[in-house]
PDB file of all heavy atoms in Angstrom:
ATOM      1  N   LEU A   1       0.819  -1.172  -0.017  1.00  0.00           N
ATOM      2  CA  LEU A   1      -0.062  -0.035   0.022  1.00  0.00           C
ATOM      3  C   LEU A   1       0.870   1.194  -0.049  1.00  0.00           C
ATOM      4  O   LEU A   1       1.964   1.191   0.585  1.00  0.00           O
ATOM      5  CB  LEU A   1      -0.949   0.047   1.224  1.00  0.00           C
ATOM      6  CG  LEU A   1      -1.942  -1.089   1.289  1.00  0.00           C
ATOM      7  CD1 LEU A   1      -2.603  -1.126   2.698  1.00  0.00           C
ATOM      8  CD2 LEU A   1      -3.039  -0.944   0.247  1.00  0.00           C
ATOM      9  N   PRO A   2       0.462   2.382  -0.641  1.00  0.00           N
ATOM     10  CA  PRO A   2       1.222   3.612  -0.618  1.00  0.00           C
ATOM     11  C   PRO A   2       1.241   4.176   0.880  1.00  0.00           C
ATOM     12  O   PRO A   2       0.196   4.149   1.654  1.00  0.00           O
ATOM     13  CB  PRO A   2       0.333   4.562  -1.491  1.00  0.00           C
ATOM     14  CG  PRO A   2      -1.038   3.845  -1.574  1.00  0.00           C
ATOM     15  CD  PRO A   2      -0.838   2.475  -1.397  1.00  0.00           C
ATOM     16  N   GLY A   3       2.461   4.569   1.262  1.00  0.00           N
ATOM     17  CA  GLY A   3       2.607   5.077   2.643  1.00  0.00           C
ATOM     18  C   GLY A   3       2.965   3.973   3.606  1.00  0.00           C
ATOM     19  O   GLY A   3       3.231   4.315   4.893  1.00  0.00           O
ATOM     20  N   ALA A   4       3.020   2.688   3.164  1.00  0.00           N
ATOM     21  CA  ALA A   4       3.259   1.591   4.200  1.00  0.00           C
ATOM     22  C   ALA A   4       4.679   1.853   4.744  1.00  0.00           C
ATOM     23  O   ALA A   4       4.918   1.432   5.852  1.00  0.00           O
ATOM     24  CB  ALA A   4       3.136   0.354   3.432  1.00  0.00           C
ATOM     25  N   THR A   5       5.636   2.266   3.899  1.00  0.00           N
ATOM     26  CA  THR A   5       7.035   2.396   4.338  1.00  0.00           C
ATOM     27  C   THR A   5       7.164   3.336   5.466  1.00  0.00           C
ATOM     28  O   THR A   5       7.862   3.085   6.424  1.00  0.00           O
ATOM     29  CB  THR A   5       7.994   2.821   3.104  1.00  0.00           C
ATOM     30  OG1 THR A   5       7.832   1.819   2.077  1.00  0.00           O
ATOM     31  CG2 THR A   5       9.380   2.907   3.556  1.00  0.00           C
ATOM     32  N   ASP A   6       6.378   4.454   5.367  1.00  0.00           N
ATOM     33  CA  ASP A   6       6.467   5.465   6.467  1.00  0.00           C
ATOM     34  C   ASP A   6       5.943   4.808   7.767  1.00  0.00           C
ATOM     35  O   ASP A   6       6.416   5.117   8.824  1.00  0.00           O
ATOM     36  CB  ASP A   6       5.520   6.675   6.095  1.00  0.00           C
ATOM     37  CG  ASP A   6       6.204   7.472   4.842  1.00  0.00           C
ATOM     38  OD1 ASP A   6       7.344   7.387   4.688  1.00  0.00           O
ATOM     39  OD2 ASP A   6       5.362   7.996   4.153  1.00  0.00           O
ATOM     40  N   GLY A   7       4.815   4.044   7.629  1.00  0.00           N
ATOM     41  CA  GLY A   7       4.310   3.443   8.799  1.00  0.00           C
ATOM     42  C   GLY A   7       5.275   2.496   9.441  1.00  0.00           C
ATOM     43  O   GLY A   7       5.401   2.385  10.652  1.00  0.00           O
ATOM     44  N   ILE A   8       5.929   1.669   8.625  1.00  0.00           N
ATOM     45  CA  ILE A   8       6.834   0.614   9.221  1.00  0.00           C
ATOM     46  C   ILE A   8       8.081   1.447   9.791  1.00  0.00           C
ATOM     47  O   ILE A   8       8.509   0.924  10.899  1.00  0.00           O
ATOM     48  CB  ILE A   8       7.350  -0.252   8.017  1.00  0.00           C
ATOM     49  CG1 ILE A   8       6.135  -1.198   7.624  1.00  0.00           C
ATOM     50  CG2 ILE A   8       8.441  -1.172   8.460  1.00  0.00           C
ATOM     51  CD1 ILE A   8       6.397  -1.962   6.426  1.00  0.00           C
ATOM     52  N   LEU A   9       8.523   2.488   9.165  1.00  0.00           N
ATOM     53  CA  LEU A   9       9.633   3.313   9.816  1.00  0.00           C
ATOM     54  C   LEU A   9       9.275   3.810  11.163  1.00  0.00           C
ATOM     55  O   LEU A   9      10.049   3.826  12.103  1.00  0.00           O
ATOM     56  CB  LEU A   9      10.112   4.344   8.801  1.00  0.00           C
ATOM     57  CG  LEU A   9      10.906   3.859   7.528  1.00  0.00           C
ATOM     58  CD1 LEU A   9      11.294   4.942   6.656  1.00  0.00           C
ATOM     59  CD2 LEU A   9      12.170   3.160   8.008  1.00  0.00           C
ATOM     60  N   TYR A  10       7.999   4.334  11.211  1.00  0.00           N
ATOM     61  CA  TYR A  10       7.594   4.887  12.492  1.00  0.00           C
ATOM     62  C   TYR A  10       7.538   3.823  13.549  1.00  0.00           C
ATOM     63  O   TYR A  10       7.803   4.020  14.741  1.00  0.00           O
ATOM     64  CB  TYR A  10       6.111   5.448  12.186  1.00  0.00           C
ATOM     65  CG  TYR A  10       5.482   6.096  13.399  1.00  0.00           C
ATOM     66  CD1 TYR A  10       5.786   7.386  13.751  1.00  0.00           C
ATOM     67  CD2 TYR A  10       4.645   5.303  14.234  1.00  0.00           C
ATOM     68  CE1 TYR A  10       5.165   7.957  14.873  1.00  0.00           C
ATOM     69  CE2 TYR A  10       4.016   5.959  15.354  1.00  0.00           C
ATOM     70  CZ  TYR A  10       4.221   7.195  15.693  1.00  0.00           C
ATOM     71  OH  TYR A  10       3.719   7.765  16.757  1.00  0.00           O
ATOM     72  N   TYR A  11       7.126   2.586  13.142  1.00  0.00           N
ATOM     73  CA  TYR A  11       7.035   1.427  14.087  1.00  0.00           C
ATOM     74  C   TYR A  11       8.397   1.032  14.566  1.00  0.00           C
ATOM     75  O   TYR A  11       8.498   0.688  15.763  1.00  0.00           O
ATOM     76  CB  TYR A  11       6.338   0.281  13.317  1.00  0.00           C
ATOM     77  CG  TYR A  11       6.328  -1.033  13.951  1.00  0.00           C
ATOM     78  CD1 TYR A  11       5.930  -1.213  15.288  1.00  0.00           C
ATOM     79  CD2 TYR A  11       6.685  -2.213  13.310  1.00  0.00           C
ATOM     80  CE1 TYR A  11       5.930  -2.376  16.002  1.00  0.00           C
ATOM     81  CE2 TYR A  11       6.657  -3.439  13.932  1.00  0.00           C
ATOM     82  CZ  TYR A  11       6.279  -3.568  15.314  1.00  0.00           C
ATOM     83  OH  TYR A  11       6.263  -4.710  15.849  1.00  0.00           O
ATOM     84  N   LEU A  12       9.407   1.026  13.683  1.00  0.00           N
ATOM     85  CA  LEU A  12      10.728   0.543  14.033  1.00  0.00           C
ATOM     86  C   LEU A  12      11.642   1.615  14.707  1.00  0.00           C
ATOM     87  O   LEU A  12      12.751   1.252  15.101  1.00  0.00           O
ATOM     88  CB  LEU A  12      11.410  -0.036  12.793  1.00  0.00           C
ATOM     89  CG  LEU A  12      10.757  -1.208  12.134  1.00  0.00           C
ATOM     90  CD1 LEU A  12      11.512  -1.669  10.904  1.00  0.00           C
ATOM     91  CD2 LEU A  12      10.729  -2.399  13.047  1.00  0.00           C
ATOM     92  N   THR A  13      11.248   2.915  14.643  1.00  0.00           N
ATOM     93  CA  THR A  13      12.236   3.976  15.161  1.00  0.00           C
ATOM     94  C   THR A  13      11.842   4.018  16.667  1.00  0.00           C
ATOM     95  O   THR A  13      10.864   4.398  17.085  1.00  0.00           O
ATOM     96  CB  THR A  13      11.818   5.270  14.463  1.00  0.00           C
ATOM     97  OG1 THR A  13      11.945   5.080  13.025  1.00  0.00           O
ATOM     98  CG2 THR A  13      12.724   6.422  15.037  1.00  0.00           C
ATOM     99  N   PRO A  14      12.850   3.750  17.534  1.00  0.00           N
ATOM    100  CA  PRO A  14      12.636   3.804  18.961  1.00  0.00           C
ATOM    101  C   PRO A  14      12.671   5.209  19.501  1.00  0.00           C
ATOM    102  O   PRO A  14      13.323   6.117  18.974  1.00  0.00           O
ATOM    103  CB  PRO A  14      13.876   3.084  19.505  1.00  0.00           C
ATOM    104  CG  PRO A  14      14.932   3.250  18.486  1.00  0.00           C
ATOM    105  CD  PRO A  14      14.316   3.273  17.152  1.00  0.00           C
ATOM    106  N   ARG A  15      11.861   5.504  20.552  1.00  0.00           N
ATOM    107  CA  ARG A  15      11.824   6.677  21.249  1.00  0.00           C
ATOM    108  C   ARG A  15      12.346   6.440  22.697  1.00  0.00           C
ATOM    109  O   ARG A  15      11.533   6.141  23.597  1.00  0.00           O
ATOM    110  CB  ARG A  15      10.505   7.362  21.230  1.00  0.00           C
ATOM    111  CG  ARG A  15      10.025   7.835  19.849  1.00  0.00           C
ATOM    112  CD  ARG A  15       8.654   8.472  19.911  1.00  0.00           C
ATOM    113  NE  ARG A  15       7.680   7.517  20.115  1.00  0.00           N
ATOM    114  CZ  ARG A  15       6.387   7.794  20.479  1.00  0.00           C
ATOM    115  NH1 ARG A  15       6.032   8.991  20.665  1.00  0.00           N
ATOM    116  NH2 ARG A  15       5.615   6.855  20.689  1.00  0.00           N
ATOM    117  N   PHE A  16      13.691   6.504  22.967  1.00  0.00           N
ATOM    118  CA  PHE A  16      14.234   6.085  24.167  1.00  0.00           C
ATOM    119  C   PHE A  16      13.767   7.005  25.280  1.00  0.00           C
ATOM    120  O   PHE A  16      13.855   6.555  26.470  1.00  0.00           O
ATOM    121  CB  PHE A  16      15.749   6.073  24.071  1.00  0.00           C
ATOM    122  CG  PHE A  16      16.271   5.064  23.098  1.00  0.00           C
ATOM    123  CD1 PHE A  16      16.869   5.348  21.971  1.00  0.00           C
ATOM    124  CD2 PHE A  16      16.205   3.742  23.539  1.00  0.00           C
ATOM    125  CE1 PHE A  16      17.322   4.402  21.044  1.00  0.00           C
ATOM    126  CE2 PHE A  16      16.692   2.665  22.726  1.00  0.00           C
ATOM    127  CZ  PHE A  16      17.278   3.031  21.432  1.00  0.00           C
ATOM    128  N   GLN A  17      13.315   8.224  25.045  1.00  0.00           N
ATOM    129  CA  GLN A  17      12.921   9.003  26.182  1.00  0.00           C
ATOM    130  C   GLN A  17      11.660   8.576  26.954  1.00  0.00           C
ATOM    131  O   GLN A  17      11.348   8.848  28.009  1.00  0.00           O
ATOM    132  CB  GLN A  17      12.652  10.466  25.624  1.00  0.00           C
ATOM    133  CG  GLN A  17      11.508  10.623  24.683  1.00  0.00           C
ATOM    134  CD  GLN A  17      11.760  10.350  23.168  1.00  0.00           C
ATOM    135  OE1 GLN A  17      12.828   9.740  22.892  1.00  0.00           O
ATOM    136  NE2 GLN A  17      10.957  10.847  22.331  1.00  0.00           N
ATOM    137  N   MET A  18      10.920   7.655  26.182  1.00  0.00           N
ATOM    138  CA  MET A  18       9.718   7.106  26.752  1.00  0.00           C
ATOM    139  C   MET A  18      10.105   6.041  27.913  1.00  0.00           C
ATOM    140  O   MET A  18       9.202   5.839  28.692  1.00  0.00           O
ATOM    141  CB  MET A  18       8.962   6.404  25.678  1.00  0.00           C
ATOM    142  CG  MET A  18       8.359   7.217  24.636  1.00  0.00           C
ATOM    143  SD  MET A  18       7.172   8.411  25.236  1.00  0.00           S
ATOM    144  CE  MET A  18       5.865   7.445  25.779  1.00  0.00           C
ATOM    145  N   LEU A  19      11.300   5.597  27.915  1.00  0.00           N
ATOM    146  CA  LEU A  19      11.741   4.751  28.997  1.00  0.00           C
ATOM    147  C   LEU A  19      11.821   5.353  30.438  1.00  0.00           C
ATOM    148  O   LEU A  19      11.895   4.679  31.401  1.00  0.00           O
ATOM    149  CB  LEU A  19      13.070   4.007  28.687  1.00  0.00           C
ATOM    150  CG  LEU A  19      13.081   3.086  27.392  1.00  0.00           C
ATOM    151  CD1 LEU A  19      14.438   2.646  27.181  1.00  0.00           C
ATOM    152  CD2 LEU A  19      12.159   2.008  27.574  1.00  0.00           C
ATOM    153  N   HIS A  20      11.794   6.704  30.398  1.00  0.00           N
ATOM    154  CA  HIS A  20      11.826   7.497  31.685  1.00  0.00           C
ATOM    155  C   HIS A  20      10.414   7.422  32.451  1.00  0.00           C
ATOM    156  O   HIS A  20      10.324   7.785  33.526  1.00  0.00           O
ATOM    157  CB  HIS A  20      12.244   8.801  31.458  1.00  0.00           C
ATOM    158  CG  HIS A  20      13.669   9.016  31.015  1.00  0.00           C
ATOM    159  ND1 HIS A  20      14.823   8.719  31.775  1.00  0.00           N
ATOM    160  CD2 HIS A  20      14.173   9.403  29.794  1.00  0.00           C
ATOM    161  CE1 HIS A  20      15.892   8.916  31.154  1.00  0.00           C
ATOM    162  NE2 HIS A  20      15.558   9.461  29.932  1.00  0.00           N
ATOM    163  N   LYS A  21       9.456   6.996  31.557  1.00  0.00           N
ATOM    164  CA  LYS A  21       8.077   6.959  32.157  1.00  0.00           C
ATOM    165  C   LYS A  21       7.722   5.556  32.699  1.00  0.00           C
ATOM    166  O   LYS A  21       7.750   4.572  32.037  1.00  0.00           O
ATOM    167  CB  LYS A  21       6.998   7.280  31.021  1.00  0.00           C
ATOM    168  CG  LYS A  21       7.217   8.685  30.430  1.00  0.00           C
ATOM    169  CD  LYS A  21       6.092   9.038  29.419  1.00  0.00           C
ATOM    170  CE  LYS A  21       6.272  10.456  28.947  1.00  0.00           C
ATOM    171  NZ  LYS A  21       5.191  10.911  27.958  1.00  0.00           N
ATOM    172  N   PRO A  22       7.450   5.537  34.024  1.00  0.00           N
ATOM    173  CA  PRO A  22       7.169   4.212  34.642  1.00  0.00           C
ATOM    174  C   PRO A  22       5.974   3.538  34.099  1.00  0.00           C
ATOM    175  O   PRO A  22       5.929   2.344  34.050  1.00  0.00           O
ATOM    176  CB  PRO A  22       6.902   4.650  36.076  1.00  0.00           C
ATOM    177  CG  PRO A  22       7.605   5.952  36.465  1.00  0.00           C
ATOM    178  CD  PRO A  22       7.543   6.603  34.933  1.00  0.00           C
ATOM    179  N   LYS A  23       4.989   4.238  33.575  1.00  0.00           N
ATOM    180  CA  LYS A  23       3.798   3.662  32.938  1.00  0.00           C
ATOM    181  C   LYS A  23       4.157   2.826  31.706  1.00  0.00           C
ATOM    182  O   LYS A  23       3.503   1.827  31.428  1.00  0.00           O
ATOM    183  CB  LYS A  23       2.826   4.790  32.587  1.00  0.00           C
ATOM    184  CG  LYS A  23       1.460   4.138  32.202  1.00  0.00           C
ATOM    185  CD  LYS A  23       0.414   5.207  31.931  1.00  0.00           C
ATOM    186  CE  LYS A  23      -0.935   4.699  31.646  1.00  0.00           C
ATOM    187  NZ  LYS A  23      -0.939   3.649  30.581  1.00  0.00           N
ATOM    188  N   VAL A  24       5.239   3.143  30.964  1.00  0.00           N
ATOM    189  CA  VAL A  24       5.616   2.361  29.945  1.00  0.00           C
ATOM    190  C   VAL A  24       6.062   0.977  30.343  1.00  0.00           C
ATOM    191  O   VAL A  24       5.750  -0.063  29.740  1.00  0.00           O
ATOM    192  CB  VAL A  24       6.840   2.966  29.081  1.00  0.00           C
ATOM    193  CG1 VAL A  24       7.340   2.051  28.053  1.00  0.00           C
ATOM    194  CG2 VAL A  24       6.274   4.363  28.487  1.00  0.00           C
ATOM    195  N   TRP A  25       6.834   0.894  31.476  1.00  0.00           N
ATOM    196  CA  TRP A  25       7.233  -0.302  32.049  1.00  0.00           C
ATOM    197  C   TRP A  25       6.078  -1.170  32.627  1.00  0.00           C
ATOM    198  O   TRP A  25       6.014  -2.406  32.407  1.00  0.00           O
ATOM    199  CB  TRP A  25       8.297  -0.175  33.065  1.00  0.00           C
ATOM    200  CG  TRP A  25       9.492   0.529  32.626  1.00  0.00           C
ATOM    201  CD1 TRP A  25       9.868   1.887  32.543  1.00  0.00           C
ATOM    202  CD2 TRP A  25      10.774  -0.202  32.185  1.00  0.00           C
ATOM    203  NE1 TRP A  25      11.069   1.980  31.924  1.00  0.00           N
ATOM    204  CE2 TRP A  25      11.565   0.848  31.744  1.00  0.00           C
ATOM    205  CE3 TRP A  25      10.972  -1.496  32.037  1.00  0.00           C
ATOM    206  CZ2 TRP A  25      12.871   0.493  31.222  1.00  0.00           C
ATOM    207  CZ3 TRP A  25      12.312  -1.831  31.553  1.00  0.00           C
ATOM    208  CH2 TRP A  25      13.148  -0.943  31.204  1.00  0.00           C
ATOM    209  N   VAL A  26       5.144  -0.467  33.147  1.00  0.00           N
ATOM    210  CA  VAL A  26       3.966  -1.199  33.723  1.00  0.00           C
ATOM    211  C   VAL A  26       3.204  -1.739  32.616  1.00  0.00           C
ATOM    212  O   VAL A  26       2.692  -2.967  32.584  1.00  0.00           O
ATOM    213  CB  VAL A  26       3.057  -0.164  34.569  1.00  0.00           C
ATOM    214  CG1 VAL A  26       1.721  -0.859  34.900  1.00  0.00           C
ATOM    215  CG2 VAL A  26       3.810   0.227  35.772  1.00  0.00           C
ATOM    216  N   ASP A  27       3.016  -0.988  31.515  1.00  0.00           N
ATOM    217  CA  ASP A  27       2.227  -1.496  30.344  1.00  0.00           C
ATOM    218  C   ASP A  27       2.955  -2.633  29.689  1.00  0.00           C
ATOM    219  O   ASP A  27       2.318  -3.597  29.237  1.00  0.00           O
ATOM    220  CB  ASP A  27       1.996  -0.407  29.365  1.00  0.00           C
ATOM    221  CG  ASP A  27       1.064   0.674  29.828  1.00  0.00           C
ATOM    222  OD1 ASP A  27       0.331   0.416  30.727  1.00  0.00           O
ATOM    223  OD2 ASP A  27       0.964   1.707  29.178  1.00  0.00           O
ATOM    224  N   ALA A  28       4.279  -2.565  29.632  1.00  0.00           N
ATOM    225  CA  ALA A  28       5.116  -3.688  29.095  1.00  0.00           C
ATOM    226  C   ALA A  28       4.905  -4.982  29.859  1.00  0.00           C
ATOM    227  O   ALA A  28       4.703  -6.019  29.298  1.00  0.00           O
ATOM    228  CB  ALA A  28       6.577  -3.266  29.056  1.00  0.00           C
ATOM    229  N   ALA A  29       4.968  -4.828  31.196  1.00  0.00           N
ATOM    230  CA  ALA A  29       4.826  -5.991  32.044  1.00  0.00           C
ATOM    231  C   ALA A  29       3.384  -6.609  31.876  1.00  0.00           C
ATOM    232  O   ALA A  29       3.226  -7.888  31.752  1.00  0.00           O
ATOM    233  CB  ALA A  29       5.075  -5.611  33.481  1.00  0.00           C
ATOM    234  N   THR A  30       2.314  -5.726  32.021  1.00  0.00           N
ATOM    235  CA  THR A  30       1.045  -6.230  31.881  1.00  0.00           C
ATOM    236  C   THR A  30       0.776  -6.954  30.515  1.00  0.00           C
ATOM    237  O   THR A  30       0.168  -7.980  30.445  1.00  0.00           O
ATOM    238  CB  THR A  30       0.022  -5.077  31.967  1.00  0.00           C
ATOM    239  OG1 THR A  30       0.233  -4.348  33.155  1.00  0.00           O
ATOM    240  CG2 THR A  30      -1.416  -5.642  31.908  1.00  0.00           C
ATOM    241  N   GLN A  31       1.426  -6.413  29.403  1.00  0.00           N
ATOM    242  CA  GLN A  31       1.194  -6.977  28.134  1.00  0.00           C
ATOM    243  C   GLN A  31       1.902  -8.390  28.038  1.00  0.00           C
ATOM    244  O   GLN A  31       1.324  -9.290  27.503  1.00  0.00           O
ATOM    245  CB  GLN A  31       1.806  -6.065  26.992  1.00  0.00           C
ATOM    246  CG  GLN A  31       1.965  -6.717  25.729  1.00  0.00           C
ATOM    247  CD  GLN A  31       0.616  -7.124  25.069  1.00  0.00           C
ATOM    248  OE1 GLN A  31      -0.381  -6.588  25.387  1.00  0.00           O
ATOM    249  NE2 GLN A  31       0.620  -8.147  24.204  1.00  0.00           N
ATOM    250  N   ILE A  32       3.126  -8.471  28.582  1.00  0.00           N
ATOM    251  CA  ILE A  32       3.833  -9.794  28.643  1.00  0.00           C
ATOM    252  C   ILE A  32       2.993 -10.835  29.484  1.00  0.00           C
ATOM    253  O   ILE A  32       2.982 -11.913  29.014  1.00  0.00           O
ATOM    254  CB  ILE A  32       5.256  -9.513  29.235  1.00  0.00           C
ATOM    255  CG1 ILE A  32       6.210  -8.911  28.271  1.00  0.00           C
ATOM    256  CG2 ILE A  32       5.848 -10.868  29.773  1.00  0.00           C
ATOM    257  CD1 ILE A  32       6.493  -9.859  27.084  1.00  0.00           C
ATOM    258  N   PHE A  33       2.426 -10.429  30.519  1.00  0.00           N
ATOM    259  CA  PHE A  33       1.707 -11.339  31.355  1.00  0.00           C
ATOM    260  C   PHE A  33       0.481 -11.731  30.620  1.00  0.00           C
ATOM    261  O   PHE A  33       0.100 -12.983  30.613  1.00  0.00           O
ATOM    262  CB  PHE A  33       1.405 -10.694  32.694  1.00  0.00           C
ATOM    263  CG  PHE A  33       2.657 -10.637  33.605  1.00  0.00           C
ATOM    264  CD1 PHE A  33       2.850  -9.475  34.327  1.00  0.00           C
ATOM    265  CD2 PHE A  33       3.590 -11.586  33.606  1.00  0.00           C
ATOM    266  CE1 PHE A  33       3.938  -9.229  35.100  1.00  0.00           C
ATOM    267  CE2 PHE A  33       4.732 -11.405  34.275  1.00  0.00           C
ATOM    268  CZ  PHE A  33       4.974 -10.277  35.089  1.00  0.00           C
ATOM    269  N   PHE A  34      -0.204 -10.827  29.979  1.00  0.00           N
ATOM    270  CA  PHE A  34      -1.403 -11.249  29.228  1.00  0.00           C
ATOM    271  C   PHE A  34      -1.038 -12.030  28.019  1.00  0.00           C
ATOM    272  O   PHE A  34      -1.844 -12.930  27.690  1.00  0.00           O
ATOM    273  CB  PHE A  34      -2.227  -9.909  28.746  1.00  0.00           C
ATOM    274  CG  PHE A  34      -3.189  -9.360  29.673  1.00  0.00           C
ATOM    275  CD1 PHE A  34      -2.918  -8.611  30.727  1.00  0.00           C
ATOM    276  CD2 PHE A  34      -4.541  -9.848  29.531  1.00  0.00           C
ATOM    277  CE1 PHE A  34      -3.899  -8.077  31.527  1.00  0.00           C
ATOM    278  CE2 PHE A  34      -5.491  -9.414  30.435  1.00  0.00           C
ATOM    279  CZ  PHE A  34      -5.255  -8.476  31.361  1.00  0.00           C
ATOM    280  N   SER A  35       0.039 -11.757  27.432  1.00  0.00           N
ATOM    281  CA  SER A  35       0.402 -12.475  26.165  1.00  0.00           C
ATOM    282  C   SER A  35       0.985 -13.890  26.495  1.00  0.00           C
ATOM    283  O   SER A  35       0.512 -14.819  25.792  1.00  0.00           O
ATOM    284  CB  SER A  35       1.506 -11.645  25.448  1.00  0.00           C
ATOM    285  OG  SER A  35       1.763 -12.176  24.225  1.00  0.00           O
ATOM    286  N   LEU A  36       1.855 -13.981  27.432  1.00  0.00           N
ATOM    287  CA  LEU A  36       2.447 -15.284  27.812  1.00  0.00           C
ATOM    288  C   LEU A  36       1.517 -16.100  28.677  1.00  0.00           C
ATOM    289  O   LEU A  36       1.508 -17.327  28.708  1.00  0.00           O
ATOM    290  CB  LEU A  36       3.777 -15.033  28.447  1.00  0.00           C
ATOM    291  CG  LEU A  36       4.866 -14.604  27.560  1.00  0.00           C
ATOM    292  CD1 LEU A  36       6.210 -14.617  28.374  1.00  0.00           C
ATOM    293  CD2 LEU A  36       5.103 -15.491  26.306  1.00  0.00           C
ATOM    294  N   GLY A  37       0.731 -15.489  29.662  1.00  0.00           N
ATOM    295  CA  GLY A  37      -0.251 -16.117  30.399  1.00  0.00           C
ATOM    296  C   GLY A  37       0.226 -16.554  31.841  1.00  0.00           C
ATOM    297  O   GLY A  37      -0.703 -17.197  32.421  1.00  0.00           O
TER     298      GLY A  37
END
């Protein structure tokens, strides 16, 4: 699809400043537990 490359680059580009937010870690843990079970 047109524009797909921009979306994939947005997906793969890390924003390391978000790691300063505890909620990101909480969301990551919750997702892992929901995903793995």
